[in-house]
């Protein structure tokens, strides 16, 4: 359940990062603020039960990958092979870090 919170926090991170660049109205700024609060609230909750370093790395990595993806899909950023390569490398590092964090370590830190 905590890892799901990290993933959802990353989705909200993508929202507030885009909001910081494109928000122009009071309503858009309000949504950006809500996204920041939800994102960091979920991150903090997940960090209370999981290894903080791993949680933060996964959060930032997924947020970065999501933001780059939205730039390409929604905002027309050109798709370059180098971007895809480094994104794949980033995601491989995230999944590797997550896999390297054993459940015993998580249970020990949770107690």
PDB file of N, CA and C in Angstrom:
ATOM      1  N   UNK A   1       0.823  -1.204   0.000  1.00  0.00           N
ATOM      2  CA  UNK A   1       0.000   0.000   0.000  1.00  0.00           C
ATOM      3  C   UNK A   1       0.869   1.271   0.000  1.00  0.00           C
ATOM      4  N   UNK A   2       2.004   1.232   0.732  1.00  0.00           N
ATOM      5  CA  UNK A   2       2.869   2.408   0.783  1.00  0.00           C
ATOM      6  C   UNK A   2       3.474   2.715  -0.579  1.00  0.00           C
ATOM      7  N   UNK A   3       3.838   1.661  -1.333  1.00  0.00           N
ATOM      8  CA  UNK A   3       4.408   1.902  -2.664  1.00  0.00           C
ATOM      9  C   UNK A   3       3.366   2.494  -3.603  1.00  0.00           C
ATOM     10  N   UNK A   4       2.118   2.123  -3.424  1.00  0.00           N
ATOM     11  CA  UNK A   4       1.053   2.725  -4.216  1.00  0.00           C
ATOM     12  C   UNK A   4       0.958   4.223  -3.905  1.00  0.00           C
ATOM     13  N   UNK A   5       1.143   4.581  -2.632  1.00  0.00           N
ATOM     14  CA  UNK A   5       1.144   5.999  -2.254  1.00  0.00           C
ATOM     15  C   UNK A   5       2.271   6.748  -2.961  1.00  0.00           C
ATOM     16  N   UNK A   6       3.428   6.104  -3.096  1.00  0.00           N
ATOM     17  CA  UNK A   6       4.557   6.746  -3.779  1.00  0.00           C
ATOM     18  C   UNK A   6       4.220   6.984  -5.249  1.00  0.00           C
ATOM     19  N   UNK A   7       3.607   5.999  -5.886  1.00  0.00           N
ATOM     20  CA  UNK A   7       3.232   6.135  -7.298  1.00  0.00           C
ATOM     21  C   UNK A   7       2.197   7.254  -7.466  1.00  0.00           C
ATOM     22  N   UNK A   8       1.186   7.284  -6.611  1.00  0.00           N
ATOM     23  CA  UNK A   8       0.161   8.334  -6.697  1.00  0.00           C
ATOM     24  C   UNK A   8       0.785   9.703  -6.409  1.00  0.00           C
ATOM     25  N   UNK A   9       1.703   9.765  -5.439  1.00  0.00           N
ATOM     26  CA  UNK A   9       2.398  11.017  -5.150  1.00  0.00           C
ATOM     27  C   UNK A   9       3.178  11.503  -6.370  1.00  0.00           C
ATOM     28  N   UNK A  10       3.759  10.569  -7.103  1.00  0.00           N
ATOM     29  CA  UNK A  10       4.505  10.920  -8.319  1.00  0.00           C
ATOM     30  C   UNK A  10       3.585  11.475  -9.404  1.00  0.00           C
ATOM     31  N   UNK A  11       2.390  10.920  -9.503  1.00  0.00           N
ATOM     32  CA  UNK A  11       1.418  11.429 -10.475  1.00  0.00           C
ATOM     33  C   UNK A  11       1.050  12.870 -10.127  1.00  0.00           C
ATOM     34  N   UNK A  12       0.820  13.129  -8.847  1.00  0.00           N
ATOM     35  CA  UNK A  12       0.514  14.497  -8.430  1.00  0.00           C
ATOM     36  C   UNK A  12       1.719  15.411  -8.616  1.00  0.00           C
ATOM     37  N   UNK A  13       2.934  14.851  -8.488  1.00  0.00           N
ATOM     38  CA  UNK A  13       4.131  15.650  -8.744  1.00  0.00           C
ATOM     39  C   UNK A  13       4.156  16.145 -10.190  1.00  0.00           C
ATOM     40  N   UNK A  14       3.816  15.263 -11.106  1.00  0.00           N
ATOM     41  CA  UNK A  14       3.756  15.666 -12.518  1.00  0.00           C
ATOM     42  C   UNK A  14       2.770  16.820 -12.671  1.00  0.00           C
ATOM     43  N   UNK A  15       1.630  16.725 -11.997  1.00  0.00           N
ATOM     44  CA  UNK A  15       0.619  17.786 -12.070  1.00  0.00           C
ATOM     45  C   UNK A  15       1.121  19.116 -11.550  1.00  0.00           C
ATOM     46  N   UNK A  16       1.796  19.102 -10.399  1.00  0.00           N
ATOM     47  CA  UNK A  16       2.227  20.397  -9.863  1.00  0.00           C
ATOM     48  C   UNK A  16       3.424  20.966 -10.600  1.00  0.00           C
ATOM     49  N   UNK A  17       4.276  20.101 -11.145  1.00  0.00           N
ATOM     50  CA  UNK A  17       5.398  20.616 -11.939  1.00  0.00           C
ATOM     51  C   UNK A  17       4.872  21.308 -13.198  1.00  0.00           C
ATOM     52  N   UNK A  18       3.921  20.685 -13.856  1.00  0.00           N
ATOM     53  CA  UNK A  18       3.313  21.312 -15.037  1.00  0.00           C
ATOM     54  C   UNK A  18       2.573  22.582 -14.628  1.00  0.00           C
ATOM     55  N   UNK A  19       1.889  22.531 -13.496  1.00  0.00           N
ATOM     56  CA  UNK A  19       1.174  23.700 -13.002  1.00  0.00           C
ATOM     57  C   UNK A  19       2.090  24.875 -12.709  1.00  0.00           C
ATOM     58  N   UNK A  20       3.280  24.604 -12.168  1.00  0.00           N
ATOM     59  CA  UNK A  20       4.209  25.691 -11.882  1.00  0.00           C
ATOM     60  C   UNK A  20       4.628  26.427 -13.153  1.00  0.00           C
ATOM     61  N   UNK A  21       4.661  25.719 -14.263  1.00  0.00           N
ATOM     62  CA  UNK A  21       5.057  26.355 -15.524  1.00  0.00           C
ATOM     63  C   UNK A  21       3.881  27.018 -16.238  1.00  0.00           C
ATOM     64  N   UNK A  22       2.719  26.361 -16.228  1.00  0.00           N
ATOM     65  CA  UNK A  22       1.629  26.804 -17.091  1.00  0.00           C
ATOM     66  C   UNK A  22       0.452  27.457 -16.375  1.00  0.00           C
ATOM     67  N   UNK A  23       0.381  27.420 -15.060  1.00  0.00           N
ATOM     68  CA  UNK A  23      -0.767  28.001 -14.356  1.00  0.00           C
ATOM     69  C   UNK A  23      -0.832  29.510 -14.599  1.00  0.00           C
ATOM     70  N   UNK A  24      -2.018  29.978 -14.960  1.00  0.00           N
ATOM     71  CA  UNK A  24      -2.193  31.405 -15.262  1.00  0.00           C
ATOM     72  C   UNK A  24      -3.353  32.017 -14.487  1.00  0.00           C
ATOM     73  N   UNK A  25      -4.299  31.207 -14.080  1.00  0.00           N
ATOM     74  CA  UNK A  25      -5.474  31.729 -13.376  1.00  0.00           C
ATOM     75  C   UNK A  25      -5.417  31.315 -11.904  1.00  0.00           C
ATOM     76  N   UNK A  26      -6.258  31.934 -11.117  1.00  0.00           N
ATOM     77  CA  UNK A  26      -6.320  31.593  -9.694  1.00  0.00           C
ATOM     78  C   UNK A  26      -6.717  30.133  -9.495  1.00  0.00           C
ATOM     79  N   UNK A  27      -7.653  29.655 -10.295  1.00  0.00           N
ATOM     80  CA  UNK A  27      -8.079  28.258 -10.189  1.00  0.00           C
ATOM     81  C   UNK A  27      -6.953  27.286 -10.518  1.00  0.00           C
ATOM     82  N   UNK A  28      -6.174  27.603 -11.544  1.00  0.00           N
ATOM     83  CA  UNK A  28      -5.045  26.740 -11.909  1.00  0.00           C
ATOM     84  C   UNK A  28      -3.985  26.744 -10.813  1.00  0.00           C
ATOM     85  N   UNK A  29      -3.752  27.906 -10.217  1.00  0.00           N
ATOM     86  CA  UNK A  29      -2.794  27.974  -9.111  1.00  0.00           C
ATOM     87  C   UNK A  29      -3.323  27.219  -7.898  1.00  0.00           C
ATOM     88  N   UNK A  30      -4.625  27.257  -7.670  1.00  0.00           N
ATOM     89  CA  UNK A  30      -5.211  26.503  -6.560  1.00  0.00           C
ATOM     90  C   UNK A  30      -5.027  25.001  -6.775  1.00  0.00           C
ATOM     91  N   UNK A  31      -5.272  24.534  -8.009  1.00  0.00           N
ATOM     92  CA  UNK A  31      -5.065  23.111  -8.315  1.00  0.00           C
ATOM     93  C   UNK A  31      -3.591  22.718  -8.162  1.00  0.00           C
ATOM     94  N   UNK A  32      -2.700  23.603  -8.570  1.00  0.00           N
ATOM     95  CA  UNK A  32      -1.273  23.343  -8.411  1.00  0.00           C
ATOM     96  C   UNK A  32      -0.916  23.213  -6.937  1.00  0.00           C
ATOM     97  N   UNK A  33      -1.462  24.085  -6.115  1.00  0.00           N
ATOM     98  CA  UNK A  33      -1.211  24.033  -4.670  1.00  0.00           C
ATOM     99  C   UNK A  33      -1.750  22.751  -4.065  1.00  0.00           C
ATOM    100  N   UNK A  34      -2.941  22.356  -4.455  1.00  0.00           N
ATOM    101  CA  UNK A  34      -3.520  21.095  -3.963  1.00  0.00           C
ATOM    102  C   UNK A  34      -2.636  19.912  -4.381  1.00  0.00           C
ATOM    103  N   UNK A  35      -2.151  19.933  -5.608  1.00  0.00           N
ATOM    104  CA  UNK A  35      -1.290  18.856  -6.088  1.00  0.00           C
ATOM    105  C   UNK A  35       0.001  18.775  -5.274  1.00  0.00           C
ATOM    106  N   UNK A  36       0.567  19.920  -4.918  1.00  0.00           N
ATOM    107  CA  UNK A  36       1.776  19.943  -4.083  1.00  0.00           C
ATOM    108  C   UNK A  36       1.487  19.327  -2.716  1.00  0.00           C
ATOM    109  N   UNK A  37       0.384  19.725  -2.110  1.00  0.00           N
ATOM    110  CA  UNK A  37       0.032  19.236  -0.774  1.00  0.00           C
ATOM    111  C   UNK A  37      -0.210  17.729  -0.801  1.00  0.00           C
ATOM    112  N   UNK A  38      -0.977  17.255  -1.771  1.00  0.00           N
ATOM    113  CA  UNK A  38      -1.259  15.813  -1.870  1.00  0.00           C
ATOM    114  C   UNK A  38       0.028  15.043  -2.142  1.00  0.00           C
ATOM    115  N   UNK A  39       0.823  15.542  -3.067  1.00  0.00           N
ATOM    116  CA  UNK A  39       2.055  14.865  -3.454  1.00  0.00           C
ATOM    117  C   UNK A  39       2.985  14.683  -2.253  1.00  0.00           C
ATOM    118  N   UNK A  40       3.279  15.761  -1.557  1.00  0.00           N
ATOM    119  CA  UNK A  40       4.199  15.666  -0.434  1.00  0.00           C
ATOM    120  C   UNK A  40       3.567  14.983   0.775  1.00  0.00           C
ATOM    121  N   UNK A  41       2.272  15.114   0.940  1.00  0.00           N
ATOM    122  CA  UNK A  41       1.600  14.399   2.030  1.00  0.00           C
ATOM    123  C   UNK A  41       1.721  12.894   1.866  1.00  0.00           C
ATOM    124  N   UNK A  42       1.475  12.405   0.670  1.00  0.00           N
ATOM    125  CA  UNK A  42       1.611  10.970   0.411  1.00  0.00           C
ATOM    126  C   UNK A  42       3.063  10.525   0.524  1.00  0.00           C
ATOM    127  N   UNK A  43       3.981  11.355   0.060  1.00  0.00           N
ATOM    128  CA  UNK A  43       5.404  11.029   0.155  1.00  0.00           C
ATOM    129  C   UNK A  43       5.833  10.902   1.615  1.00  0.00           C
ATOM    130  N   UNK A  44       5.399  11.815   2.441  1.00  0.00           N
ATOM    131  CA  UNK A  44       5.737  11.774   3.863  1.00  0.00           C
ATOM    132  C   UNK A  44       5.158  10.530   4.525  1.00  0.00           C
ATOM    133  N   UNK A  45       3.907  10.214   4.221  1.00  0.00           N
ATOM    134  CA  UNK A  45       3.283   9.012   4.814  1.00  0.00           C
ATOM    135  C   UNK A  45       4.014   7.746   4.409  1.00  0.00           C
ATOM    136  N   UNK A  46       4.372   7.651   3.127  1.00  0.00           N
ATOM    137  CA  UNK A  46       5.088   6.463   2.657  1.00  0.00           C
ATOM    138  C   UNK A  46       6.470   6.385   3.299  1.00  0.00           C
ATOM    139  N   UNK A  47       7.127   7.531   3.478  1.00  0.00           N
ATOM    140  CA  UNK A  47       8.456   7.556   4.075  1.00  0.00           C
ATOM    141  C   UNK A  47       8.483   7.164   5.537  1.00  0.00           C
ATOM    142  N   UNK A  48       7.342   7.177   6.186  1.00  0.00           N
ATOM    143  CA  UNK A  48       7.281   6.756   7.589  1.00  0.00           C
ATOM    144  C   UNK A  48       7.372   5.247   7.737  1.00  0.00           C
ATOM    145  N   UNK A  49       7.050   4.502   6.676  1.00  0.00           N
ATOM    146  CA  UNK A  49       7.033   3.042   6.767  1.00  0.00           C
ATOM    147  C   UNK A  49       8.037   2.364   5.846  1.00  0.00           C
ATOM    148  N   UNK A  50       8.578   3.116   4.886  1.00  0.00           N
ATOM    149  CA  UNK A  50       9.518   2.556   3.920  1.00  0.00           C
ATOM    150  C   UNK A  50      10.851   3.299   4.026  1.00  0.00           C
ATOM    151  N   UNK A  51      11.920   2.722   3.494  1.00  0.00           N
ATOM    152  CA  UNK A  51      13.216   3.425   3.521  1.00  0.00           C
ATOM    153  C   UNK A  51      13.135   4.750   2.758  1.00  0.00           C
ATOM    154  N   UNK A  52      13.451   5.823   3.440  1.00  0.00           N
ATOM    155  CA  UNK A  52      13.254   7.161   2.896  1.00  0.00           C
ATOM    156  C   UNK A  52      14.067   7.388   1.618  1.00  0.00           C
ATOM    157  N   UNK A  53      15.302   6.929   1.582  1.00  0.00           N
ATOM    158  CA  UNK A  53      16.131   7.130   0.396  1.00  0.00           C
ATOM    159  C   UNK A  53      15.538   6.478  -0.837  1.00  0.00           C
ATOM    160  N   UNK A  54      15.058   5.268  -0.669  1.00  0.00           N
ATOM    161  CA  UNK A  54      14.446   4.551  -1.783  1.00  0.00           C
ATOM    162  C   UNK A  54      13.137   5.218  -2.188  1.00  0.00           C
ATOM    163  N   UNK A  55      12.328   5.587  -1.221  1.00  0.00           N
ATOM    164  CA  UNK A  55      11.050   6.247  -1.501  1.00  0.00           C
ATOM    165  C   UNK A  55      11.277   7.529  -2.295  1.00  0.00           C
ATOM    166  N   UNK A  56      12.234   8.332  -1.860  1.00  0.00           N
ATOM    167  CA  UNK A  56      12.475   9.603  -2.538  1.00  0.00           C
ATOM    168  C   UNK A  56      13.010   9.385  -3.954  1.00  0.00           C
ATOM    169  N   UNK A  57      13.905   8.420  -4.105  1.00  0.00           N
ATOM    170  CA  UNK A  57      14.449   8.137  -5.437  1.00  0.00           C
ATOM    171  C   UNK A  57      13.351   7.679  -6.397  1.00  0.00           C
ATOM    172  N   UNK A  58      12.466   6.816  -5.933  1.00  0.00           N
ATOM    173  CA  UNK A  58      11.362   6.340  -6.767  1.00  0.00           C
ATOM    174  C   UNK A  58      10.422   7.491  -7.090  1.00  0.00           C
ATOM    175  N   UNK A  59      10.099   8.298  -6.097  1.00  0.00           N
ATOM    176  CA  UNK A  59       9.214   9.452  -6.276  1.00  0.00           C
ATOM    177  C   UNK A  59       9.755  10.417  -7.335  1.00  0.00           C
ATOM    178  N   UNK A  60      10.999  10.812  -7.191  1.00  0.00           N
ATOM    179  CA  UNK A  60      11.590  11.775  -8.115  1.00  0.00           C
ATOM    180  C   UNK A  60      11.755  11.161  -9.504  1.00  0.00           C
ATOM    181  N   UNK A  61      12.177   9.910  -9.561  1.00  0.00           N
ATOM    182  CA  UNK A  61      12.368   9.260 -10.855  1.00  0.00           C
ATOM    183  C   UNK A  61      11.078   9.110 -11.632  1.00  0.00           C
ATOM    184  N   UNK A  62      10.037   8.637 -10.942  1.00  0.00           N
ATOM    185  CA  UNK A  62       8.739   8.503 -11.618  1.00  0.00           C
ATOM    186  C   UNK A  62       8.171   9.861 -12.005  1.00  0.00           C
ATOM    187  N   UNK A  63       8.359  10.848 -11.140  1.00  0.00           N
ATOM    188  CA  UNK A  63       7.900  12.199 -11.468  1.00  0.00           C
ATOM    189  C   UNK A  63       8.616  12.761 -12.680  1.00  0.00           C
ATOM    190  N   UNK A  64       9.916  12.528 -12.745  1.00  0.00           N
ATOM    191  CA  UNK A  64      10.692  12.990 -13.899  1.00  0.00           C
ATOM    192  C   UNK A  64      10.236  12.294 -15.169  1.00  0.00           C
ATOM    193  N   UNK A  65      10.095  10.978 -15.106  1.00  0.00           N
ATOM    194  CA  UNK A  65       9.650  10.220 -16.276  1.00  0.00           C
ATOM    195  C   UNK A  65       8.258  10.672 -16.717  1.00  0.00           C
ATOM    196  N   UNK A  66       7.377  10.895 -15.751  1.00  0.00           N
ATOM    197  CA  UNK A  66       6.025  11.354 -16.080  1.00  0.00           C
ATOM    198  C   UNK A  66       6.012  12.737 -16.693  1.00  0.00           C
ATOM    199  N   UNK A  67       6.838  13.632 -16.173  1.00  0.00           N
ATOM    200  CA  UNK A  67       6.893  14.994 -16.700  1.00  0.00           C
ATOM    201  C   UNK A  67       7.441  15.009 -18.124  1.00  0.00           C
ATOM    202  N   UNK A  68       8.489  14.237 -18.374  1.00  0.00           N
ATOM    203  CA  UNK A  68       9.050  14.148 -19.726  1.00  0.00           C
ATOM    204  C   UNK A  68       8.014  13.558 -20.682  1.00  0.00           C
ATOM    205  N   UNK A  69       7.310  12.532 -20.229  1.00  0.00           N
ATOM    206  CA  UNK A  69       6.275  11.905 -21.059  1.00  0.00           C
ATOM    207  C   UNK A  69       5.163  12.894 -21.393  1.00  0.00           C
ATOM    208  N   UNK A  70       4.710  13.656 -20.412  1.00  0.00           N
ATOM    209  CA  UNK A  70       3.663  14.655 -20.656  1.00  0.00           C
ATOM    210  C   UNK A  70       4.158  15.745 -21.601  1.00  0.00           C
ATOM    211  N   UNK A  71       5.422  16.138 -21.458  1.00  0.00           N
ATOM    212  CA  UNK A  71       5.985  17.126 -22.387  1.00  0.00           C
ATOM    213  C   UNK A  71       5.897  16.628 -23.821  1.00  0.00           C
ATOM    214  N   UNK A  72       6.176  15.352 -24.016  1.00  0.00           N
ATOM    215  CA  UNK A  72       6.150  14.781 -25.364  1.00  0.00           C
ATOM    216  C   UNK A  72       4.712  14.617 -25.858  1.00  0.00           C
ATOM    217  N   UNK A  73       3.847  14.035 -25.028  1.00  0.00           N
ATOM    218  CA  UNK A  73       2.482  13.711 -25.459  1.00  0.00           C
ATOM    219  C   UNK A  73       1.554  14.920 -25.545  1.00  0.00           C
ATOM    220  N   UNK A  74       1.660  15.827 -24.601  1.00  0.00           N
ATOM    221  CA  UNK A  74       0.699  16.924 -24.522  1.00  0.00           C
ATOM    222  C   UNK A  74       1.250  18.235 -25.081  1.00  0.00           C
ATOM    223  N   UNK A  75       2.517  18.527 -24.785  1.00  0.00           N
ATOM    224  CA  UNK A  75       3.052  19.848 -25.123  1.00  0.00           C
ATOM    225  C   UNK A  75       3.924  19.858 -26.375  1.00  0.00           C
ATOM    226  N   UNK A  76       3.993  18.731 -27.081  1.00  0.00           N
ATOM    227  CA  UNK A  76       4.651  18.708 -28.378  1.00  0.00           C
ATOM    228  C   UNK A  76       6.166  18.751 -28.356  1.00  0.00           C
ATOM    229  N   UNK A  77       6.767  18.409 -27.234  1.00  0.00           N
ATOM    230  CA  UNK A  77       8.231  18.328 -27.180  1.00  0.00           C
ATOM    231  C   UNK A  77       8.681  17.241 -28.152  1.00  0.00           C
ATOM    232  N   UNK A  78       9.708  17.507 -28.946  1.00  0.00           N
ATOM    233  CA  UNK A  78      10.129  16.496 -29.920  1.00  0.00           C
ATOM    234  C   UNK A  78      10.647  15.226 -29.235  1.00  0.00           C
ATOM    235  N   UNK A  79      10.293  14.103 -29.815  1.00  0.00           N
ATOM    236  CA  UNK A  79      10.720  12.810 -29.295  1.00  0.00           C
ATOM    237  C   UNK A  79      12.092  12.491 -29.863  1.00  0.00           C
ATOM    238  N   UNK A  80      13.072  12.370 -28.966  1.00  0.00           N
ATOM    239  CA  UNK A  80      14.439  12.075 -29.398  1.00  0.00           C
ATOM    240  C   UNK A  80      14.881  10.739 -28.822  1.00  0.00           C
ATOM    241  N   UNK A  81      15.679  10.032 -29.580  1.00  0.00           N
ATOM    242  CA  UNK A  81      16.179   8.735 -29.139  1.00  0.00           C
ATOM    243  C   UNK A  81      16.976   8.860 -27.849  1.00  0.00           C
ATOM    244  N   UNK A  82      17.764   9.920 -27.720  1.00  0.00           N
ATOM    245  CA  UNK A  82      18.567  10.102 -26.504  1.00  0.00           C
ATOM    246  C   UNK A  82      17.669  10.253 -25.271  1.00  0.00           C
ATOM    247  N   UNK A  83      16.557  10.961 -25.416  1.00  0.00           N
ATOM    248  CA  UNK A  83      15.628  11.129 -24.291  1.00  0.00           C
ATOM    249  C   UNK A  83      15.038   9.781 -23.893  1.00  0.00           C
ATOM    250  N   UNK A  84      14.625   8.995 -24.877  1.00  0.00           N
ATOM    251  CA  UNK A  84      14.080   7.672 -24.581  1.00  0.00           C
ATOM    252  C   UNK A  84      15.114   6.769 -23.923  1.00  0.00           C
ATOM    253  N   UNK A  85      16.344   6.838 -24.381  1.00  0.00           N
ATOM    254  CA  UNK A  85      17.412   6.023 -23.810  1.00  0.00           C
ATOM    255  C   UNK A  85      17.649   6.374 -22.344  1.00  0.00           C
ATOM    256  N   UNK A  86      17.767   7.662 -22.060  1.00  0.00           N
ATOM    257  CA  UNK A  86      18.018   8.071 -20.686  1.00  0.00           C
ATOM    258  C   UNK A  86      16.805   7.854 -19.790  1.00  0.00           C
ATOM    259  N   UNK A  87      15.621   7.967 -20.332  1.00  0.00           N
ATOM    260  CA  UNK A  87      14.419   7.665 -19.565  1.00  0.00           C
ATOM    261  C   UNK A  87      14.387   6.187 -19.201  1.00  0.00           C
ATOM    262  N   UNK A  88      14.717   5.322 -20.147  1.00  0.00           N
ATOM    263  CA  UNK A  88      14.782   3.882 -19.880  1.00  0.00           C
ATOM    264  C   UNK A  88      15.844   3.583 -18.827  1.00  0.00           C
ATOM    265  N   UNK A  89      16.983   4.263 -18.905  1.00  0.00           N
ATOM    266  CA  UNK A  89      18.042   4.082 -17.924  1.00  0.00           C
ATOM    267  C   UNK A  89      17.577   4.528 -16.537  1.00  0.00           C
ATOM    268  N   UNK A  90      16.882   5.654 -16.480  1.00  0.00           N
ATOM    269  CA  UNK A  90      16.345   6.159 -15.220  1.00  0.00           C
ATOM    270  C   UNK A  90      15.362   5.166 -14.609  1.00  0.00           C
ATOM    271  N   UNK A  91      14.435   4.670 -15.420  1.00  0.00           N
ATOM    272  CA  UNK A  91      13.446   3.709 -14.916  1.00  0.00           C
ATOM    273  C   UNK A  91      14.100   2.398 -14.500  1.00  0.00           C
ATOM    274  N   UNK A  92      15.115   1.957 -15.222  1.00  0.00           N
ATOM    275  CA  UNK A  92      15.838   0.742 -14.825  1.00  0.00           C
ATOM    276  C   UNK A  92      16.501   0.942 -13.467  1.00  0.00           C
ATOM    277  N   UNK A  93      17.064   2.115 -13.241  1.00  0.00           N
ATOM    278  CA  UNK A  93      17.666   2.410 -11.941  1.00  0.00           C
ATOM    279  C   UNK A  93      16.646   2.434 -10.822  1.00  0.00           C
ATOM    280  N   UNK A  94      15.480   2.998 -11.096  1.00  0.00           N
ATOM    281  CA  UNK A  94      14.415   3.050 -10.091  1.00  0.00           C
ATOM    282  C   UNK A  94      13.966   1.636  -9.717  1.00  0.00           C
ATOM    283  N   UNK A  95      13.678   0.828 -10.741  1.00  0.00           N
ATOM    284  CA  UNK A  95      13.215  -0.531 -10.463  1.00  0.00           C
ATOM    285  C   UNK A  95      14.312  -1.359  -9.802  1.00  0.00           C
ATOM    286  N   UNK A  96      15.564  -1.127 -10.189  1.00  0.00           N
ATOM    287  CA  UNK A  96      16.673  -1.829  -9.555  1.00  0.00           C
ATOM    288  C   UNK A  96      16.813  -1.449  -8.096  1.00  0.00           C
ATOM    289  N   UNK A  97      16.695  -0.180  -7.788  1.00  0.00           N
ATOM    290  CA  UNK A  97      16.776   0.280  -6.403  1.00  0.00           C
ATOM    291  C   UNK A  97      15.639  -0.292  -5.574  1.00  0.00           C
ATOM    292  N   UNK A  98      14.453  -0.287  -6.144  1.00  0.00           N
ATOM    293  CA  UNK A  98      13.293  -0.858  -5.445  1.00  0.00           C
ATOM    294  C   UNK A  98      13.502  -2.342  -5.201  1.00  0.00           C
ATOM    295  N   UNK A  99      14.014  -3.074  -6.190  1.00  0.00           N
ATOM    296  CA  UNK A  99      14.243  -4.512  -6.046  1.00  0.00           C
ATOM    297  C   UNK A  99      15.351  -4.797  -5.032  1.00  0.00           C
ATOM    298  N   UNK A 100      16.323  -3.906  -4.921  1.00  0.00           N
ATOM    299  CA  UNK A 100      17.433  -4.109  -3.998  1.00  0.00           C
ATOM    300  C   UNK A 100      17.043  -3.859  -2.546  1.00  0.00           C
ATOM    301  N   UNK A 101      15.932  -3.194  -2.327  1.00  0.00           N
ATOM    302  CA  UNK A 101      15.438  -2.946  -0.977  1.00  0.00           C
ATOM    303  C   UNK A 101      14.606  -4.156  -0.564  1.00  0.00           C
ATOM    304  N   UNK A 102      15.192  -4.985   0.286  1.00  0.00           N
ATOM    305  CA  UNK A 102      14.512  -6.223   0.659  1.00  0.00           C
ATOM    306  C   UNK A 102      13.337  -5.945   1.583  1.00  0.00           C
ATOM    307  N   UNK A 103      12.408  -6.873   1.619  1.00  0.00           N
ATOM    308  CA  UNK A 103      11.249  -6.717   2.505  1.00  0.00           C
ATOM    309  C   UNK A 103      11.668  -6.803   3.964  1.00  0.00           C
ATOM    310  N   UNK A 104      12.769  -7.489   4.261  1.00  0.00           N
ATOM    311  CA  UNK A 104      13.248  -7.546   5.640  1.00  0.00           C
ATOM    312  C   UNK A 104      13.676  -6.178   6.119  1.00  0.00           C
ATOM    313  N   UNK A 105      14.381  -5.411   5.246  1.00  0.00           N
ATOM    314  CA  UNK A 105      14.795  -4.054   5.597  1.00  0.00           C
ATOM    315  C   UNK A 105      13.585  -3.168   5.844  1.00  0.00           C
ATOM    316  N   UNK A 106      12.579  -3.309   4.999  1.00  0.00           N
ATOM    317  CA  UNK A 106      11.365  -2.509   5.135  1.00  0.00           C
ATOM    318  C   UNK A 106      10.667  -2.828   6.444  1.00  0.00           C
ATOM    319  N   UNK A 107      10.547  -4.125   6.779  1.00  0.00           N
ATOM    320  CA  UNK A 107       9.879  -4.519   8.015  1.00  0.00           C
ATOM    321  C   UNK A 107      10.679  -4.054   9.231  1.00  0.00           C
ATOM    322  N   UNK A 108      12.016  -4.130   9.162  1.00  0.00           N
ATOM    323  CA  UNK A 108      12.847  -3.712  10.277  1.00  0.00           C
ATOM    324  C   UNK A 108      12.694  -2.209  10.539  1.00  0.00           C
ATOM    325  N   UNK A 109      12.683  -1.396   9.472  1.00  0.00           N
ATOM    326  CA  UNK A 109      12.545   0.045   9.622  1.00  0.00           C
ATOM    327  C   UNK A 109      11.139   0.434  10.042  1.00  0.00           C
ATOM    328  N   UNK A 110      10.145  -0.391   9.711  1.00  0.00           N
ATOM    329  CA  UNK A 110       8.759  -0.086  10.070  1.00  0.00           C
ATOM    330  C   UNK A 110       8.463  -0.302  11.541  1.00  0.00           C
ATOM    331  N   UNK A 111       9.307  -1.058  12.225  1.00  0.00           N
ATOM    332  CA  UNK A 111       9.076  -1.339  13.661  1.00  0.00           C
ATOM    333  C   UNK A 111       9.718  -0.347  14.545  1.00  0.00           C
TER     334      UNK A 111
END
